[in-house]
Amino acid sequence: MKNTVLKSITTITLLAAITPFSNLVNAQSIKPQTNYEIASNKSYELTMDISFDEGDAYITVPDNDVTLRHIGRLRRYDLHIAKMFEVSAFMCDEGMVSPGIDWHYYAGGGNIDMGTFRISCKLANDIVNAYKVRRPEPTAIKFSMGEEHSPEVRNYRIGILDIERDSNKTIRWLKFVQKFKPIKK
């Protein structure tokens, strides 16, 4: 499964506006695709692949250097961590996971192991309450269907953390991410 996860790159985009998480009703199954784009505000685009296999989540990004700034003071790394929290909070809220998710984070198209990050449902909820979420964005997530079947891709609309519009929130997020270390590297 790891090789399947690492081979495809899905374009995920970050949008701006305010609304709460969507319900599971907004989920739909779609055929697996690679390298497809979702149109949005170009300044917020990040490319990543998100998948689940046997209770663990995987986020794979093409960036070799995740320390590059992407929006203001926020680096790509900061936004990748935010995406893990957004998806964790959504899945916990929808009752899809409990008590949390172990995220395996890979950069360089899967060649750079950034470590495994554990996000409990409680921590994800605390982060959402502290930073609030803005308008949901389309987020494609692959679910493993076993070794003999292709992964199933489901599209969700997941609220994004409001971390870049308020400089105080940005500073708090940067400090939080600096202390949020992988459980395994």
C-alpha atoms as a PDB file:
ATOM      1  CA  MET A   1       0.000   0.000   0.000  1.00  0.00           C
ATOM      2  CA  LYS A   2       2.844   2.400   0.817  1.00  0.00           C
ATOM      3  CA  ASN A   3       4.059   2.267  -2.793  1.00  0.00           C
ATOM      4  CA  THR A   4       0.550   2.976  -4.084  1.00  0.00           C
ATOM      5  CA  VAL A   5       0.262   5.908  -1.696  1.00  0.00           C
ATOM      6  CA  LEU A   6       3.600   7.336  -2.725  1.00  0.00           C
ATOM      7  CA  LYS A   7       3.031   7.086  -6.498  1.00  0.00           C
ATOM      8  CA  SER A   8       0.138   9.476  -6.952  1.00  0.00           C
ATOM      9  CA  ILE A   9      -0.110  13.141  -6.197  1.00  0.00           C
ATOM     10  CA  THR A  10      -3.488  14.744  -5.687  1.00  0.00           C
ATOM     11  CA  THR A  11      -3.834  18.496  -5.865  1.00  0.00           C
ATOM     12  CA  ILE A  12      -5.532  19.816  -2.763  1.00  0.00           C
ATOM     13  CA  THR A  13      -6.286  23.485  -2.491  1.00  0.00           C
ATOM     14  CA  LEU A  14      -6.829  25.785   0.425  1.00  0.00           C
ATOM     15  CA  LEU A  15      -9.725  28.253   0.074  1.00  0.00           C
ATOM     16  CA  ALA A  16     -10.740  31.265   2.169  1.00  0.00           C
ATOM     17  CA  ALA A  17     -14.164  32.017   3.800  1.00  0.00           C
ATOM     18  CA  ILE A  18     -16.080  30.856   6.874  1.00  0.00           C
ATOM     19  CA  THR A  19     -18.403  27.834   7.283  1.00  0.00           C
ATOM     20  CA  PRO A  20     -18.428  24.748   9.536  1.00  0.00           C
ATOM     21  CA  PHE A  21     -17.498  21.182   8.643  1.00  0.00           C
ATOM     22  CA  SER A  22     -19.697  19.457   6.097  1.00  0.00           C
ATOM     23  CA  ASN A  23     -21.648  16.314   6.891  1.00  0.00           C
ATOM     24  CA  LEU A  24     -20.738  12.864   5.659  1.00  0.00           C
ATOM     25  CA  VAL A  25     -23.586  13.338   3.168  1.00  0.00           C
ATOM     26  CA  ASN A  26     -21.144  15.452   1.151  1.00  0.00           C
ATOM     27  CA  ALA A  27     -18.879  12.459   0.603  1.00  0.00           C
ATOM     28  CA  GLN A  28     -18.945  10.755  -2.744  1.00  0.00           C
ATOM     29  CA  SER A  29     -17.009   7.911  -4.287  1.00  0.00           C
ATOM     30  CA  ILE A  30     -15.040   8.762  -7.385  1.00  0.00           C
ATOM     31  CA  LYS A  31     -12.738   6.750  -9.595  1.00  0.00           C
ATOM     32  CA  PRO A  32      -9.066   6.942  -8.583  1.00  0.00           C
ATOM     33  CA  GLN A  33      -7.257   9.687 -10.468  1.00  0.00           C
ATOM     34  CA  THR A  34      -3.802  11.122 -10.330  1.00  0.00           C
ATOM     35  CA  ASN A  35      -2.561  14.628 -10.914  1.00  0.00           C
ATOM     36  CA  TYR A  36      -5.985  16.224 -11.200  1.00  0.00           C
ATOM     37  CA  GLU A  37      -6.511  19.799 -10.161  1.00  0.00           C
ATOM     38  CA  ILE A  38      -9.254  21.510  -8.230  1.00  0.00           C
ATOM     39  CA  ALA A  39      -9.566  25.147  -9.269  1.00  0.00           C
ATOM     40  CA  SER A  40      -9.275  27.802  -6.589  1.00  0.00           C
ATOM     41  CA  ASN A  41      -7.292  30.788  -5.429  1.00  0.00           C
ATOM     42  CA  LYS A  42      -3.837  29.986  -6.832  1.00  0.00           C
ATOM     43  CA  SER A  43      -1.964  31.503  -3.866  1.00  0.00           C
ATOM     44  CA  TYR A  44      -3.296  28.823  -1.529  1.00  0.00           C
ATOM     45  CA  GLU A  45      -2.668  25.703  -3.621  1.00  0.00           C
ATOM     46  CA  LEU A  46      -0.693  22.874  -2.105  1.00  0.00           C
ATOM     47  CA  THR A  47      -0.122  19.523  -3.716  1.00  0.00           C
ATOM     48  CA  MET A  48      -0.522  16.461  -1.510  1.00  0.00           C
ATOM     49  CA  ASP A  49      -1.835  12.940  -1.462  1.00  0.00           C
ATOM     50  CA  ILE A  50      -3.901  11.766   1.528  1.00  0.00           C
ATOM     51  CA  SER A  51      -4.737   8.116   2.085  1.00  0.00           C
ATOM     52  CA  PHE A  52      -5.820   5.656   4.767  1.00  0.00           C
ATOM     53  CA  ASP A  53      -4.721   2.070   5.138  1.00  0.00           C
ATOM     54  CA  GLU A  54      -5.433  -0.225   8.088  1.00  0.00           C
ATOM     55  CA  GLY A  55      -6.201   2.638  10.478  1.00  0.00           C
ATOM     56  CA  ASP A  56      -3.181   4.788   9.638  1.00  0.00           C
ATOM     57  CA  ALA A  57      -3.146   7.922   7.500  1.00  0.00           C
ATOM     58  CA  TYR A  58      -0.516   8.914   4.967  1.00  0.00           C
ATOM     59  CA  ILE A  59       0.211  12.383   3.642  1.00  0.00           C
ATOM     60  CA  THR A  60       2.692  12.596   0.783  1.00  0.00           C
ATOM     61  CA  VAL A  61       3.871  15.850  -0.759  1.00  0.00           C
ATOM     62  CA  PRO A  62       6.120  16.445  -3.775  1.00  0.00           C
ATOM     63  CA  ASP A  63       8.169  19.155  -2.039  1.00  0.00           C
ATOM     64  CA  ASN A  64      11.797  18.306  -1.284  1.00  0.00           C
ATOM     65  CA  ASP A  65      12.086  21.409   0.895  1.00  0.00           C
ATOM     66  CA  VAL A  66       8.983  21.815   3.072  1.00  0.00           C
ATOM     67  CA  THR A  67      10.581  24.786   4.872  1.00  0.00           C
ATOM     68  CA  LEU A  68       9.874  27.097   1.909  1.00  0.00           C
ATOM     69  CA  ARG A  69       7.417  29.864   2.755  1.00  0.00           C
ATOM     70  CA  HIS A  70       4.021  29.470   1.148  1.00  0.00           C
ATOM     71  CA  ILE A  71       1.677  32.088   2.635  1.00  0.00           C
ATOM     72  CA  GLY A  72       3.184  35.001   4.554  1.00  0.00           C
ATOM     73  CA  ARG A  73       5.172  33.525   7.430  1.00  0.00           C
ATOM     74  CA  LEU A  74       3.708  30.026   6.994  1.00  0.00           C
ATOM     75  CA  ARG A  75       5.896  27.357   5.483  1.00  0.00           C
ATOM     76  CA  ARG A  76       4.610  24.410   3.480  1.00  0.00           C
ATOM     77  CA  TYR A  77       5.393  22.248   6.526  1.00  0.00           C
ATOM     78  CA  ASP A  78       3.096  24.376   8.719  1.00  0.00           C
ATOM     79  CA  LEU A  79       0.263  23.956   6.215  1.00  0.00           C
ATOM     80  CA  HIS A  80       0.859  20.200   5.852  1.00  0.00           C
ATOM     81  CA  ILE A  81       0.535  19.832   9.628  1.00  0.00           C
ATOM     82  CA  ALA A  82      -2.625  21.979   9.500  1.00  0.00           C
ATOM     83  CA  LYS A  83      -4.078  19.634   6.854  1.00  0.00           C
ATOM     84  CA  MET A  84      -3.458  16.654   9.159  1.00  0.00           C
ATOM     85  CA  PHE A  85      -5.410  18.417  11.914  1.00  0.00           C
ATOM     86  CA  GLU A  86      -8.220  19.433   9.555  1.00  0.00           C
ATOM     87  CA  VAL A  87      -8.713  15.907   8.251  1.00  0.00           C
ATOM     88  CA  SER A  88      -8.358  14.399  11.745  1.00  0.00           C
ATOM     89  CA  ALA A  89     -10.977  16.762  13.190  1.00  0.00           C
ATOM     90  CA  PHE A  90     -13.359  16.051  10.317  1.00  0.00           C
ATOM     91  CA  MET A  91     -12.988  12.275  10.563  1.00  0.00           C
ATOM     92  CA  CYS A  92     -13.317  12.323  14.359  1.00  0.00           C
ATOM     93  CA  ASP A  93     -16.368  14.597  14.158  1.00  0.00           C
ATOM     94  CA  GLU A  94     -17.995  12.266  11.610  1.00  0.00           C
ATOM     95  CA  GLY A  95     -17.265   9.196  13.777  1.00  0.00           C
ATOM     96  CA  MET A  96     -14.957   7.694  11.150  1.00  0.00           C
ATOM     97  CA  VAL A  97     -12.011   7.315  13.558  1.00  0.00           C
ATOM     98  CA  SER A  98     -11.462   7.075  17.296  1.00  0.00           C
ATOM     99  CA  PRO A  99      -9.487   7.847  19.472  1.00  0.00           C
ATOM    100  CA  GLY A 100      -7.274   9.487  16.820  1.00  0.00           C
ATOM    101  CA  ILE A 101      -5.003   9.015  13.813  1.00  0.00           C
ATOM    102  CA  ASP A 102      -1.320   8.231  13.322  1.00  0.00           C
ATOM    103  CA  TRP A 103      -0.142  10.263  10.315  1.00  0.00           C
ATOM    104  CA  HIS A 104       2.851   9.098   8.270  1.00  0.00           C
ATOM    105  CA  TYR A 105       4.274  12.186   6.571  1.00  0.00           C
ATOM    106  CA  TYR A 106       6.456  11.906   3.463  1.00  0.00           C
ATOM    107  CA  ALA A 107       8.059  14.701   1.437  1.00  0.00           C
ATOM    108  CA  GLY A 108       9.975  14.512  -1.840  1.00  0.00           C
ATOM    109  CA  GLY A 109       7.233  12.481  -3.497  1.00  0.00           C
ATOM    110  CA  GLY A 110       7.630   9.819  -0.825  1.00  0.00           C
ATOM    111  CA  ASN A 111      11.419   9.689  -0.645  1.00  0.00           C
ATOM    112  CA  ILE A 112      11.808  11.736   2.561  1.00  0.00           C
ATOM    113  CA  ASP A 113      10.293  10.307   5.752  1.00  0.00           C
ATOM    114  CA  MET A 114       9.230  13.269   7.876  1.00  0.00           C
ATOM    115  CA  GLY A 115       8.043  11.043  10.710  1.00  0.00           C
ATOM    116  CA  THR A 116       4.826   9.742  12.224  1.00  0.00           C
ATOM    117  CA  PHE A 117       2.568  12.236  13.990  1.00  0.00           C
ATOM    118  CA  ARG A 118      -0.159  11.154  16.413  1.00  0.00           C
ATOM    119  CA  ILE A 119      -3.255  13.358  16.503  1.00  0.00           C
ATOM    120  CA  SER A 120      -5.942  12.396  18.993  1.00  0.00           C
ATOM    121  CA  CYS A 121      -9.562  13.379  18.411  1.00  0.00           C
ATOM    122  CA  LYS A 122      -9.369  15.524  21.543  1.00  0.00           C
ATOM    123  CA  LEU A 123      -6.294  17.415  20.325  1.00  0.00           C
ATOM    124  CA  ALA A 124      -7.825  17.876  16.844  1.00  0.00           C
ATOM    125  CA  ASN A 125     -11.002  19.257  18.437  1.00  0.00           C
ATOM    126  CA  ASP A 126      -8.971  21.572  20.717  1.00  0.00           C
ATOM    127  CA  ILE A 127      -7.098  22.939  17.677  1.00  0.00           C
ATOM    128  CA  VAL A 128     -10.329  23.524  15.737  1.00  0.00           C
ATOM    129  CA  ASN A 129     -11.816  25.344  18.734  1.00  0.00           C
ATOM    130  CA  ALA A 130      -8.685  27.469  19.153  1.00  0.00           C
ATOM    131  CA  TYR A 131      -8.232  28.442  15.489  1.00  0.00           C
ATOM    132  CA  LYS A 132     -11.741  27.920  14.053  1.00  0.00           C
ATOM    133  CA  VAL A 133     -12.293  26.662  10.536  1.00  0.00           C
ATOM    134  CA  ARG A 134     -13.145  28.501   7.370  1.00  0.00           C
ATOM    135  CA  ARG A 135     -15.031  27.466   4.276  1.00  0.00           C
ATOM    136  CA  PRO A 136     -14.676  23.776   3.457  1.00  0.00           C
ATOM    137  CA  GLU A 137     -12.392  22.841   0.598  1.00  0.00           C
ATOM    138  CA  PRO A 138     -12.595  19.803  -1.672  1.00  0.00           C
ATOM    139  CA  THR A 139     -10.338  17.120  -0.236  1.00  0.00           C
ATOM    140  CA  ALA A 140      -9.787  13.766  -1.930  1.00  0.00           C
ATOM    141  CA  ILE A 141      -8.886  10.872   0.371  1.00  0.00           C
ATOM    142  CA  LYS A 142      -7.908   7.395  -0.803  1.00  0.00           C
ATOM    143  CA  PHE A 143      -9.054   4.403   1.209  1.00  0.00           C
ATOM    144  CA  SER A 144      -7.290   1.068   0.829  1.00  0.00           C
ATOM    145  CA  MET A 145      -9.569  -1.705  -0.376  1.00  0.00           C
ATOM    146  CA  GLY A 146      -7.045  -4.487   0.199  1.00  0.00           C
ATOM    147  CA  GLU A 147      -4.097  -5.641  -1.856  1.00  0.00           C
ATOM    148  CA  GLU A 148      -6.216  -7.084  -4.653  1.00  0.00           C
ATOM    149  CA  HIS A 149      -8.261  -3.930  -5.312  1.00  0.00           C
ATOM    150  CA  SER A 150      -7.475  -0.360  -6.288  1.00  0.00           C
ATOM    151  CA  PRO A 151      -7.948   2.223  -3.552  1.00  0.00           C
ATOM    152  CA  GLU A 152     -11.315   3.975  -3.445  1.00  0.00           C
ATOM    153  CA  VAL A 153     -11.102   7.745  -3.664  1.00  0.00           C
ATOM    154  CA  ARG A 154     -13.736   9.713  -1.755  1.00  0.00           C
ATOM    155  CA  ASN A 155     -14.199  13.441  -2.029  1.00  0.00           C
ATOM    156  CA  TYR A 156     -15.070  15.402   1.102  1.00  0.00           C
ATOM    157  CA  ARG A 157     -15.528  19.078   1.842  1.00  0.00           C
ATOM    158  CA  ILE A 158     -13.348  19.717   4.891  1.00  0.00           C
ATOM    159  CA  GLY A 159     -13.058  23.033   6.741  1.00  0.00           C
ATOM    160  CA  ILE A 160      -9.617  24.627   6.773  1.00  0.00           C
ATOM    161  CA  LEU A 161      -7.962  26.089   9.864  1.00  0.00           C
ATOM    162  CA  ASP A 162      -7.999  29.869  10.013  1.00  0.00           C
ATOM    163  CA  ILE A 163      -4.280  30.337  10.695  1.00  0.00           C
ATOM    164  CA  GLU A 164      -3.048  32.871   8.170  1.00  0.00           C
ATOM    165  CA  ARG A 165      -5.394  35.907   8.256  1.00  0.00           C
ATOM    166  CA  ASP A 166      -4.740  36.940  11.880  1.00  0.00           C
ATOM    167  CA  SER A 167      -1.066  37.544  12.702  1.00  0.00           C
ATOM    168  CA  ASN A 168      -1.612  36.502  16.348  1.00  0.00           C
ATOM    169  CA  LYS A 169      -3.073  33.157  15.231  1.00  0.00           C
ATOM    170  CA  THR A 170      -0.224  32.727  12.757  1.00  0.00           C
ATOM    171  CA  ILE A 171       2.378  33.278  15.488  1.00  0.00           C
ATOM    172  CA  ARG A 172       0.545  30.887  17.850  1.00  0.00           C
ATOM    173  CA  TRP A 173       0.340  28.260  15.076  1.00  0.00           C
ATOM    174  CA  LEU A 174       4.049  28.560  14.292  1.00  0.00           C
ATOM    175  CA  LYS A 175       4.904  28.103  17.984  1.00  0.00           C
ATOM    176  CA  PHE A 176       2.535  25.131  18.265  1.00  0.00           C
ATOM    177  CA  VAL A 177       3.957  23.404  15.182  1.00  0.00           C
ATOM    178  CA  GLN A 178       7.506  23.953  16.465  1.00  0.00           C
ATOM    179  CA  LYS A 179       6.590  21.965  19.604  1.00  0.00           C
ATOM    180  CA  PHE A 180       4.443  19.344  17.813  1.00  0.00           C
ATOM    181  CA  LYS A 181       7.011  16.614  17.182  1.00  0.00           C
ATOM    182  CA  PRO A 182       6.664  13.244  15.481  1.00  0.00           C
ATOM    183  CA  ILE A 183       6.270  10.231  17.742  1.00  0.00           C
ATOM    184  CA  LYS A 184       8.577   8.298  15.448  1.00  0.00           C
ATOM    185  CA  LYS A 185      11.139   9.526  12.936  1.00  0.00           C
END
